[in-house]
Amino acid sequence: MLIDDIAVLLTVVWACWCVLSVNVKDGIVGRVAYSSVALFGSVVLLNPARPDLAATAYHLSFALLGVRHYLITMHWDWFRAVLLRYDIEIPHSRRKGDA
């Protein structure tokens, strides 16, 4: 049980850092996902008697971060092209030819 608690504690600290750091530019969706990992990880740590629901939510939060990471790394170019085709503003992005 000690190794599980240390692992959850490290992920909670990492997720809190991702939420609070200005260097992490993941937008609102990323901040919400990291916040849910930190919140449910804290609940798992603070309630060791019944971690069933909290642990499930904690693992789901990580799974959603994984899905988000996959979509951004594999399909971002296509999604960005669709947004630019319909002239939707993308934060932290430049179009071709913009100075």
PDB file of N, CA and C in Angstrom:
ATOM      1  N   MET A   1       0.815  -1.207   0.000  1.00  0.00           N
ATOM      2  CA  MET A   1       0.000   0.000   0.000  1.00  0.00           C
ATOM      3  C   MET A   1       0.855   1.266   0.000  1.00  0.00           C
ATOM      4  N   LEU A   2       2.031   1.201   0.544  1.00  0.00           N
ATOM      5  CA  LEU A   2       2.878   2.387   0.597  1.00  0.00           C
ATOM      6  C   LEU A   2       3.291   2.833  -0.803  1.00  0.00           C
ATOM      7  N   ILE A   3       3.627   1.886  -1.655  1.00  0.00           N
ATOM      8  CA  ILE A   3       4.040   2.240  -3.015  1.00  0.00           C
ATOM      9  C   ILE A   3       2.877   2.850  -3.803  1.00  0.00           C
ATOM     10  N   ASP A   4       1.660   2.375  -3.566  1.00  0.00           N
ATOM     11  CA  ASP A   4       0.480   2.955  -4.227  1.00  0.00           C
ATOM     12  C   ASP A   4       0.264   4.393  -3.782  1.00  0.00           C
ATOM     13  N   ASP A   5       0.410   4.631  -2.486  1.00  0.00           N
ATOM     14  CA  ASP A   5       0.230   5.989  -1.970  1.00  0.00           C
ATOM     15  C   ASP A   5       1.292   6.941  -2.506  1.00  0.00           C
ATOM     16  N   ILE A   6       2.514   6.470  -2.610  1.00  0.00           N
ATOM     17  CA  ILE A   6       3.579   7.319  -3.157  1.00  0.00           C
ATOM     18  C   ILE A   6       3.308   7.636  -4.629  1.00  0.00           C
ATOM     19  N   ALA A   7       2.856   6.648  -5.388  1.00  0.00           N
ATOM     20  CA  ALA A   7       2.562   6.871  -6.802  1.00  0.00           C
ATOM     21  C   ALA A   7       1.419   7.870  -6.976  1.00  0.00           C
ATOM     22  N   VAL A   8       0.370   7.714  -6.189  1.00  0.00           N
ATOM     23  CA  VAL A   8      -0.756   8.651  -6.280  1.00  0.00           C
ATOM     24  C   VAL A   8      -0.325  10.042  -5.839  1.00  0.00           C
ATOM     25  N   LEU A   9       0.490  10.131  -4.797  1.00  0.00           N
ATOM     26  CA  LEU A   9       0.974  11.429  -4.332  1.00  0.00           C
ATOM     27  C   LEU A   9       1.799  12.125  -5.411  1.00  0.00           C
ATOM     28  N   LEU A  10       2.661  11.389  -6.078  1.00  0.00           N
ATOM     29  CA  LEU A  10       3.460  11.988  -7.153  1.00  0.00           C
ATOM     30  C   LEU A  10       2.589  12.470  -8.309  1.00  0.00           C
ATOM     31  N   THR A  11       1.572  11.705  -8.662  1.00  0.00           N
ATOM     32  CA  THR A  11       0.697  12.152  -9.753  1.00  0.00           C
ATOM     33  C   THR A  11      -0.144  13.348  -9.343  1.00  0.00           C
ATOM     34  N   VAL A  12      -0.525  13.424  -8.069  1.00  0.00           N
ATOM     35  CA  VAL A  12      -1.279  14.593  -7.592  1.00  0.00           C
ATOM     36  C   VAL A  12      -0.397  15.835  -7.643  1.00  0.00           C
ATOM     37  N   VAL A  13       0.850  15.713  -7.205  1.00  0.00           N
ATOM     38  CA  VAL A  13       1.772  16.851  -7.250  1.00  0.00           C
ATOM     39  C   VAL A  13       2.014  17.271  -8.701  1.00  0.00           C
ATOM     40  N   TRP A  14       2.197  16.289  -9.600  1.00  0.00           N
ATOM     41  CA  TRP A  14       2.409  16.588 -11.017  1.00  0.00           C
ATOM     42  C   TRP A  14       1.195  17.295 -11.615  1.00  0.00           C
ATOM     43  N   ALA A  15       0.001  16.799 -11.312  1.00  0.00           N
ATOM     44  CA  ALA A  15      -1.216  17.397 -11.879  1.00  0.00           C
ATOM     45  C   ALA A  15      -1.428  18.810 -11.331  1.00  0.00           C
ATOM     46  N   CYS A  16      -1.143  19.013 -10.051  1.00  0.00           N
ATOM     47  CA  CYS A  16      -1.264  20.365  -9.483  1.00  0.00           C
ATOM     48  C   CYS A  16      -0.283  21.316 -10.145  1.00  0.00           C
ATOM     49  N   TRP A  17       0.939  20.841 -10.389  1.00  0.00           N
ATOM     50  CA  TRP A  17       1.915  21.675 -11.065  1.00  0.00           C
ATOM     51  C   TRP A  17       1.440  22.027 -12.480  1.00  0.00           C
ATOM     52  N   CYS A  18       0.855  21.068 -13.181  1.00  0.00           N
ATOM     53  CA  CYS A  18       0.356  21.331 -14.533  1.00  0.00           C
ATOM     54  C   CYS A  18      -0.773  22.357 -14.536  1.00  0.00           C
ATOM     55  N   VAL A  19      -1.585  22.347 -13.490  1.00  0.00           N
ATOM     56  CA  VAL A  19      -2.686  23.312 -13.406  1.00  0.00           C
ATOM     57  C   VAL A  19      -2.164  24.705 -13.064  1.00  0.00           C
ATOM     58  N   LEU A  20      -1.218  24.779 -12.149  1.00  0.00           N
ATOM     59  CA  LEU A  20      -0.779  26.075 -11.632  1.00  0.00           C
ATOM     60  C   LEU A  20       0.357  26.717 -12.417  1.00  0.00           C
ATOM     61  N   SER A  21       1.072  25.952 -13.224  1.00  0.00           N
ATOM     62  CA  SER A  21       2.224  26.488 -13.946  1.00  0.00           C
ATOM     63  C   SER A  21       1.787  27.296 -15.167  1.00  0.00           C
ATOM     64  N   VAL A  22       2.481  28.400 -15.391  1.00  0.00           N
ATOM     65  CA  VAL A  22       2.207  29.194 -16.590  1.00  0.00           C
ATOM     66  C   VAL A  22       2.924  28.614 -17.801  1.00  0.00           C
ATOM     67  N   ASN A  23       3.868  27.698 -17.577  1.00  0.00           N
ATOM     68  CA  ASN A  23       4.608  27.094 -18.676  1.00  0.00           C
ATOM     69  C   ASN A  23       3.813  26.009 -19.392  1.00  0.00           C
ATOM     70  N   VAL A  24       2.795  25.476 -18.752  1.00  0.00           N
ATOM     71  CA  VAL A  24       1.971  24.433 -19.362  1.00  0.00           C
ATOM     72  C   VAL A  24       0.822  25.117 -20.096  1.00  0.00           C
ATOM     73  N   LYS A  25       0.815  25.024 -21.417  1.00  0.00           N
ATOM     74  CA  LYS A  25      -0.194  25.698 -22.232  1.00  0.00           C
ATOM     75  C   LYS A  25      -1.124  24.654 -22.836  1.00  0.00           C
ATOM     76  N   ASP A  26      -1.989  24.088 -22.006  1.00  0.00           N
ATOM     77  CA  ASP A  26      -2.899  23.041 -22.455  1.00  0.00           C
ATOM     78  C   ASP A  26      -4.331  23.523 -22.609  1.00  0.00           C
ATOM     79  N   GLY A  27      -4.586  24.773 -22.349  1.00  0.00           N
ATOM     80  CA  GLY A  27      -5.927  25.305 -22.513  1.00  0.00           C
ATOM     81  C   GLY A  27      -6.864  24.871 -21.398  1.00  0.00           C
ATOM     82  N   ILE A  28      -8.118  25.195 -21.580  1.00  0.00           N
ATOM     83  CA  ILE A  28      -9.129  24.915 -20.570  1.00  0.00           C
ATOM     84  C   ILE A  28      -9.343  23.413 -20.406  1.00  0.00           C
ATOM     85  N   VAL A  29      -9.400  22.690 -21.503  1.00  0.00           N
ATOM     86  CA  VAL A  29      -9.652  21.246 -21.421  1.00  0.00           C
ATOM     87  C   VAL A  29      -8.529  20.545 -20.668  1.00  0.00           C
ATOM     88  N   GLY A  30      -7.297  20.915 -20.952  1.00  0.00           N
ATOM     89  CA  GLY A  30      -6.166  20.322 -20.251  1.00  0.00           C
ATOM     90  C   GLY A  30      -6.172  20.660 -18.767  1.00  0.00           C
ATOM     91  N   ARG A  31      -6.483  21.899 -18.450  1.00  0.00           N
ATOM     92  CA  ARG A  31      -6.517  22.304 -17.034  1.00  0.00           C
ATOM     93  C   ARG A  31      -7.610  21.555 -16.267  1.00  0.00           C
ATOM     94  N   VAL A  32      -8.753  21.385 -16.898  1.00  0.00           N
ATOM     95  CA  VAL A  32      -9.838  20.637 -16.250  1.00  0.00           C
ATOM     96  C   VAL A  32      -9.439  19.174 -16.058  1.00  0.00           C
ATOM     97  N   ALA A  33      -8.793  18.595 -17.051  1.00  0.00           N
ATOM     98  CA  ALA A  33      -8.372  17.193 -16.941  1.00  0.00           C
ATOM     99  C   ALA A  33      -7.330  17.026 -15.837  1.00  0.00           C
ATOM    100  N   TYR A  34      -6.344  17.919 -15.798  1.00  0.00           N
ATOM    101  CA  TYR A  34      -5.332  17.840 -14.739  1.00  0.00           C
ATOM    102  C   TYR A  34      -5.949  18.101 -13.368  1.00  0.00           C
ATOM    103  N   SER A  35      -6.910  19.010 -13.310  1.00  0.00           N
ATOM    104  CA  SER A  35      -7.593  19.277 -12.037  1.00  0.00           C
ATOM    105  C   SER A  35      -8.349  18.053 -11.550  1.00  0.00           C
ATOM    106  N   SER A  36      -8.987  17.336 -12.475  1.00  0.00           N
ATOM    107  CA  SER A  36      -9.718  16.135 -12.060  1.00  0.00           C
ATOM    108  C   SER A  36      -8.761  15.052 -11.575  1.00  0.00           C
ATOM    109  N   VAL A  37      -7.602  14.922 -12.205  1.00  0.00           N
ATOM    110  CA  VAL A  37      -6.607  13.960 -11.717  1.00  0.00           C
ATOM    111  C   VAL A  37      -6.158  14.345 -10.309  1.00  0.00           C
ATOM    112  N   ALA A  38      -5.881  15.636 -10.095  1.00  0.00           N
ATOM    113  CA  ALA A  38      -5.444  16.085  -8.768  1.00  0.00           C
ATOM    114  C   ALA A  38      -6.543  15.906  -7.727  1.00  0.00           C
ATOM    115  N   LEU A  39      -7.770  16.235  -8.087  1.00  0.00           N
ATOM    116  CA  LEU A  39      -8.876  16.127  -7.140  1.00  0.00           C
ATOM    117  C   LEU A  39      -9.150  14.676  -6.747  1.00  0.00           C
ATOM    118  N   PHE A  40      -9.298  13.811  -7.739  1.00  0.00           N
ATOM    119  CA  PHE A  40      -9.618  12.416  -7.428  1.00  0.00           C
ATOM    120  C   PHE A  40      -8.428  11.692  -6.807  1.00  0.00           C
ATOM    121  N   GLY A  41      -7.217  12.076  -7.176  1.00  0.00           N
ATOM    122  CA  GLY A  41      -6.045  11.504  -6.507  1.00  0.00           C
ATOM    123  C   GLY A  41      -5.986  11.897  -5.046  1.00  0.00           C
ATOM    124  N   SER A  42      -6.353  13.146  -4.745  1.00  0.00           N
ATOM    125  CA  SER A  42      -6.398  13.581  -3.344  1.00  0.00           C
ATOM    126  C   SER A  42      -7.451  12.817  -2.566  1.00  0.00           C
ATOM    127  N   VAL A  43      -8.583  12.571  -3.199  1.00  0.00           N
ATOM    128  CA  VAL A  43      -9.641  11.808  -2.524  1.00  0.00           C
ATOM    129  C   VAL A  43      -9.177  10.376  -2.257  1.00  0.00           C
ATOM    130  N   VAL A  44      -8.457   9.777  -3.208  1.00  0.00           N
ATOM    131  CA  VAL A  44      -7.929   8.428  -3.005  1.00  0.00           C
ATOM    132  C   VAL A  44      -6.961   8.420  -1.826  1.00  0.00           C
ATOM    133  N   LEU A  45      -6.126   9.453  -1.715  1.00  0.00           N
ATOM    134  CA  LEU A  45      -5.168   9.510  -0.615  1.00  0.00           C
ATOM    135  C   LEU A  45      -5.832   9.771   0.733  1.00  0.00           C
ATOM    136  N   LEU A  46      -6.846  10.622   0.749  1.00  0.00           N
ATOM    137  CA  LEU A  46      -7.456  11.019   2.022  1.00  0.00           C
ATOM    138  C   LEU A  46      -8.505  10.055   2.532  1.00  0.00           C
ATOM    139  N   ASN A  47      -9.009   9.163   1.689  1.00  0.00           N
ATOM    140  CA  ASN A  47     -10.039   8.223   2.104  1.00  0.00           C
ATOM    141  C   ASN A  47      -9.598   6.793   1.777  1.00  0.00           C
ATOM    142  N   PRO A  48      -8.651   6.246   2.536  1.00  0.00           N
ATOM    143  CA  PRO A  48      -8.158   4.910   2.207  1.00  0.00           C
ATOM    144  C   PRO A  48      -9.128   3.787   2.559  1.00  0.00           C
ATOM    145  N   ALA A  49     -10.163   4.083   3.340  1.00  0.00           N
ATOM    146  CA  ALA A  49     -11.103   3.037   3.739  1.00  0.00           C
ATOM    147  C   ALA A  49     -11.983   2.593   2.573  1.00  0.00           C
ATOM    148  N   ARG A  50     -12.454   3.547   1.745  1.00  0.00           N
ATOM    149  CA  ARG A  50     -13.334   3.229   0.604  1.00  0.00           C
ATOM    150  C   ARG A  50     -12.887   3.968  -0.644  1.00  0.00           C
ATOM    151  N   PRO A  51     -11.842   3.514  -1.285  1.00  0.00           N
ATOM    152  CA  PRO A  51     -11.352   4.236  -2.466  1.00  0.00           C
ATOM    153  C   PRO A  51     -11.974   3.779  -3.780  1.00  0.00           C
ATOM    154  N   ASP A  52     -13.062   2.993  -3.724  1.00  0.00           N
ATOM    155  CA  ASP A  52     -13.593   2.392  -4.946  1.00  0.00           C
ATOM    156  C   ASP A  52     -14.008   3.428  -5.985  1.00  0.00           C
ATOM    157  N   LEU A  53     -14.940   4.285  -5.636  1.00  0.00           N
ATOM    158  CA  LEU A  53     -15.451   5.275  -6.582  1.00  0.00           C
ATOM    159  C   LEU A  53     -14.377   6.295  -6.949  1.00  0.00           C
ATOM    160  N   ALA A  54     -13.624   6.749  -5.947  1.00  0.00           N
ATOM    161  CA  ALA A  54     -12.574   7.735  -6.211  1.00  0.00           C
ATOM    162  C   ALA A  54     -11.483   7.145  -7.100  1.00  0.00           C
ATOM    163  N   ALA A  55     -11.123   5.900  -6.864  1.00  0.00           N
ATOM    164  CA  ALA A  55     -10.086   5.271  -7.688  1.00  0.00           C
ATOM    165  C   ALA A  55     -10.571   5.088  -9.123  1.00  0.00           C
ATOM    166  N   THR A  56     -11.828   4.748  -9.289  1.00  0.00           N
ATOM    167  CA  THR A  56     -12.376   4.615 -10.636  1.00  0.00           C
ATOM    168  C   THR A  56     -12.361   5.962 -11.357  1.00  0.00           C
ATOM    169  N   ALA A  57     -12.770   7.017 -10.671  1.00  0.00           N
ATOM    170  CA  ALA A  57     -12.749   8.350 -11.272  1.00  0.00           C
ATOM    171  C   ALA A  57     -11.319   8.804 -11.557  1.00  0.00           C
ATOM    172  N   TYR A  58     -10.392   8.454 -10.683  1.00  0.00           N
ATOM    173  CA  TYR A  58      -8.976   8.779 -10.861  1.00  0.00           C
ATOM    174  C   TYR A  58      -8.434   8.097 -12.126  1.00  0.00           C
ATOM    175  N   HIS A  59      -8.738   6.828 -12.297  1.00  0.00           N
ATOM    176  CA  HIS A  59      -8.278   6.112 -13.479  1.00  0.00           C
ATOM    177  C   HIS A  59      -8.968   6.618 -14.753  1.00  0.00           C
ATOM    178  N   LEU A  60     -10.233   6.988 -14.649  1.00  0.00           N
ATOM    179  CA  LEU A  60     -10.935   7.568 -15.800  1.00  0.00           C
ATOM    180  C   LEU A  60     -10.327   8.910 -16.208  1.00  0.00           C
ATOM    181  N   SER A  61      -9.927   9.702 -15.227  1.00  0.00           N
ATOM    182  CA  SER A  61      -9.286  10.985 -15.527  1.00  0.00           C
ATOM    183  C   SER A  61      -7.989  10.767 -16.293  1.00  0.00           C
ATOM    184  N   PHE A  62      -7.209   9.782 -15.846  1.00  0.00           N
ATOM    185  CA  PHE A  62      -5.981   9.475 -16.568  1.00  0.00           C
ATOM    186  C   PHE A  62      -6.276   8.955 -17.966  1.00  0.00           C
ATOM    187  N   ALA A  63      -7.309   8.154 -18.090  1.00  0.00           N
ATOM    188  CA  ALA A  63      -7.672   7.638 -19.413  1.00  0.00           C
ATOM    189  C   ALA A  63      -8.085   8.782 -20.341  1.00  0.00           C
ATOM    190  N   LEU A  64      -8.821   9.742 -19.824  1.00  0.00           N
ATOM    191  CA  LEU A  64      -9.215  10.891 -20.649  1.00  0.00           C
ATOM    192  C   LEU A  64      -8.009  11.729 -21.051  1.00  0.00           C
ATOM    193  N   LEU A  65      -7.028  11.864 -20.144  1.00  0.00           N
ATOM    194  CA  LEU A  65      -5.799  12.555 -20.528  1.00  0.00           C
ATOM    195  C   LEU A  65      -5.071  11.801 -21.637  1.00  0.00           C
ATOM    196  N   GLY A  66      -5.085  10.485 -21.562  1.00  0.00           N
ATOM    197  CA  GLY A  66      -4.457   9.684 -22.610  1.00  0.00           C
ATOM    198  C   GLY A  66      -5.152   9.826 -23.946  1.00  0.00           C
ATOM    199  N   VAL A  67      -6.476   9.819 -23.938  1.00  0.00           N
ATOM    200  CA  VAL A  67      -7.243   9.999 -25.177  1.00  0.00           C
ATOM    201  C   VAL A  67      -6.984  11.385 -25.758  1.00  0.00           C
ATOM    202  N   ARG A  68      -6.977  12.393 -24.907  1.00  0.00           N
ATOM    203  CA  ARG A  68      -6.703  13.754 -25.355  1.00  0.00           C
ATOM    204  C   ARG A  68      -5.305  13.848 -25.965  1.00  0.00           C
ATOM    205  N   HIS A  69      -4.328  13.241 -25.309  1.00  0.00           N
ATOM    206  CA  HIS A  69      -2.958  13.253 -25.826  1.00  0.00           C
ATOM    207  C   HIS A  69      -2.887  12.562 -27.193  1.00  0.00           C
ATOM    208  N   TYR A  70      -3.559  11.428 -27.326  1.00  0.00           N
ATOM    209  CA  TYR A  70      -3.562  10.712 -28.604  1.00  0.00           C
ATOM    210  C   TYR A  70      -4.183  11.574 -29.708  1.00  0.00           C
ATOM    211  N   LEU A  71      -5.324  12.186 -29.412  1.00  0.00           N
ATOM    212  CA  LEU A  71      -5.993  12.986 -30.437  1.00  0.00           C
ATOM    213  C   LEU A  71      -5.159  14.194 -30.846  1.00  0.00           C
ATOM    214  N   ILE A  72      -4.512  14.822 -29.883  1.00  0.00           N
ATOM    215  CA  ILE A  72      -3.721  16.003 -30.218  1.00  0.00           C
ATOM    216  C   ILE A  72      -2.468  15.615 -30.988  1.00  0.00           C
ATOM    217  N   THR A  73      -1.804  14.536 -30.597  1.00  0.00           N
ATOM    218  CA  THR A  73      -0.571  14.175 -31.296  1.00  0.00           C
ATOM    219  C   THR A  73      -0.825  13.551 -32.658  1.00  0.00           C
ATOM    220  N   MET A  74      -1.896  12.820 -32.813  1.00  0.00           N
ATOM    221  CA  MET A  74      -2.120  12.111 -34.071  1.00  0.00           C
ATOM    222  C   MET A  74      -3.017  12.875 -35.049  1.00  0.00           C
ATOM    223  N   HIS A  75      -3.958  13.653 -34.562  1.00  0.00           N
ATOM    224  CA  HIS A  75      -4.963  14.249 -35.449  1.00  0.00           C
ATOM    225  C   HIS A  75      -5.029  15.774 -35.364  1.00  0.00           C
ATOM    226  N   TRP A  76      -4.053  16.430 -34.735  1.00  0.00           N
ATOM    227  CA  TRP A  76      -4.117  17.869 -34.576  1.00  0.00           C
ATOM    228  C   TRP A  76      -4.035  18.585 -35.917  1.00  0.00           C
ATOM    229  N   ASP A  77      -3.203  18.129 -36.831  1.00  0.00           N
ATOM    230  CA  ASP A  77      -3.070  18.814 -38.124  1.00  0.00           C
ATOM    231  C   ASP A  77      -4.396  18.834 -38.886  1.00  0.00           C
ATOM    232  N   TRP A  78      -5.100  17.720 -38.892  1.00  0.00           N
ATOM    233  CA  TRP A  78      -6.396  17.654 -39.566  1.00  0.00           C
ATOM    234  C   TRP A  78      -7.401  18.583 -38.881  1.00  0.00           C
ATOM    235  N   PHE A  79      -7.456  18.539 -37.548  1.00  0.00           N
ATOM    236  CA  PHE A  79      -8.399  19.365 -36.796  1.00  0.00           C
ATOM    237  C   PHE A  79      -8.091  20.852 -36.992  1.00  0.00           C
ATOM    238  N   ARG A  80      -6.807  21.193 -37.005  1.00  0.00           N
ATOM    239  CA  ARG A  80      -6.407  22.571 -37.216  1.00  0.00           C
ATOM    240  C   ARG A  80      -6.803  23.044 -38.613  1.00  0.00           C
ATOM    241  N   ALA A  81      -6.650  22.173 -39.614  1.00  0.00           N
ATOM    242  CA  ALA A  81      -7.043  22.529 -40.979  1.00  0.00           C
ATOM    243  C   ALA A  81      -8.544  22.780 -41.075  1.00  0.00           C
ATOM    244  N   VAL A  82      -9.342  21.990 -40.367  1.00  0.00           N
ATOM    245  CA  VAL A  82     -10.795  22.199 -40.362  1.00  0.00           C
ATOM    246  C   VAL A  82     -11.130  23.534 -39.713  1.00  0.00           C
ATOM    247  N   LEU A  83     -10.492  23.835 -38.593  1.00  0.00           N
ATOM    248  CA  LEU A  83     -10.750  25.115 -37.933  1.00  0.00           C
ATOM    249  C   LEU A  83     -10.356  26.296 -38.807  1.00  0.00           C
ATOM    250  N   LEU A  84      -9.211  26.180 -39.486  1.00  0.00           N
ATOM    251  CA  LEU A  84      -8.782  27.277 -40.351  1.00  0.00           C
ATOM    252  C   LEU A  84      -9.655  27.409 -41.583  1.00  0.00           C
ATOM    253  N   ARG A  85     -10.188  26.299 -42.078  1.00  0.00           N
ATOM    254  CA  ARG A  85     -11.084  26.356 -43.239  1.00  0.00           C
ATOM    255  C   ARG A  85     -12.329  27.170 -42.913  1.00  0.00           C
ATOM    256  N   TYR A  86     -12.847  27.038 -41.709  1.00  0.00           N
ATOM    257  CA  TYR A  86     -14.050  27.776 -41.315  1.00  0.00           C
ATOM    258  C   TYR A  86     -13.717  29.079 -40.599  1.00  0.00           C
ATOM    259  N   ASP A  87     -12.440  29.489 -40.663  1.00  0.00           N
ATOM    260  CA  ASP A  87     -11.979  30.763 -40.124  1.00  0.00           C
ATOM    261  C   ASP A  87     -12.272  30.892 -38.631  1.00  0.00           C
ATOM    262  N   ILE A  88     -11.998  29.837 -37.886  1.00  0.00           N
ATOM    263  CA  ILE A  88     -12.155  29.844 -36.436  1.00  0.00           C
ATOM    264  C   ILE A  88     -10.800  30.146 -35.817  1.00  0.00           C
ATOM    265  N   GLU A  89     -10.762  31.080 -34.897  1.00  0.00           N
ATOM    266  CA  GLU A  89      -9.520  31.517 -34.259  1.00  0.00           C
ATOM    267  C   GLU A  89      -8.929  30.391 -33.407  1.00  0.00           C
ATOM    268  N   ILE A  90      -7.627  30.136 -33.578  1.00  0.00           N
ATOM    269  CA  ILE A  90      -6.914  29.152 -32.779  1.00  0.00           C
ATOM    270  C   ILE A  90      -5.918  29.908 -31.904  1.00  0.00           C
ATOM    271  N   PRO A  91      -6.056  29.836 -30.583  1.00  0.00           N
ATOM    272  CA  PRO A  91      -5.096  30.541 -29.725  1.00  0.00           C
ATOM    273  C   PRO A  91      -3.695  29.939 -29.864  1.00  0.00           C
ATOM    274  N   HIS A  92      -2.679  30.766 -29.728  1.00  0.00           N
ATOM    275  CA  HIS A  92      -1.280  30.359 -29.783  1.00  0.00           C
ATOM    276  C   HIS A  92      -0.944  29.695 -31.119  1.00  0.00           C
ATOM    277  N   SER A  93      -1.527  30.156 -32.186  1.00  0.00           N
ATOM    278  CA  SER A  93      -1.268  29.557 -33.490  1.00  0.00           C
ATOM    279  C   SER A  93      -1.160  30.672 -34.527  1.00  0.00           C
ATOM    280  N   ARG A  94      -0.362  30.416 -35.553  1.00  0.00           N
ATOM    281  CA  ARG A  94      -0.236  31.388 -36.641  1.00  0.00           C
ATOM    282  C   ARG A  94      -0.587  30.739 -37.951  1.00  0.00           C
ATOM    283  N   ARG A  95      -1.233  31.496 -38.779  1.00  0.00           N
ATOM    284  CA  ARG A  95      -1.532  31.016 -40.126  1.00  0.00           C
ATOM    285  C   ARG A  95      -0.325  31.245 -41.014  1.00  0.00           C
ATOM    286  N   LYS A  96      -0.322  30.545 -42.130  1.00  0.00           N
ATOM    287  CA  LYS A  96       0.768  30.775 -43.096  1.00  0.00           C
ATOM    288  C   LYS A  96       0.697  32.197 -43.621  1.00  0.00           C
ATOM    289  N   GLY A  97       1.830  32.860 -43.662  1.00  0.00           N
ATOM    290  CA  GLY A  97       1.876  34.220 -44.186  1.00  0.00           C
ATOM    291  C   GLY A  97       1.693  35.281 -43.133  1.00  0.00           C
ATOM    292  N   ASP A  98       1.245  34.933 -41.924  1.00  0.00           N
ATOM    293  CA  ASP A  98       1.108  35.934 -40.858  1.00  0.00           C
ATOM    294  C   ASP A  98       2.496  36.229 -40.285  1.00  0.00           C
ATOM    295  N   ALA A  99       2.725  37.469 -39.976  1.00  0.00           N
ATOM    296  CA  ALA A  99       4.019  37.852 -39.394  1.00  0.00           C
ATOM    297  C   ALA A  99       3.960  37.860 -37.894  1.00  0.00           C
TER     298      ALA A  99
END
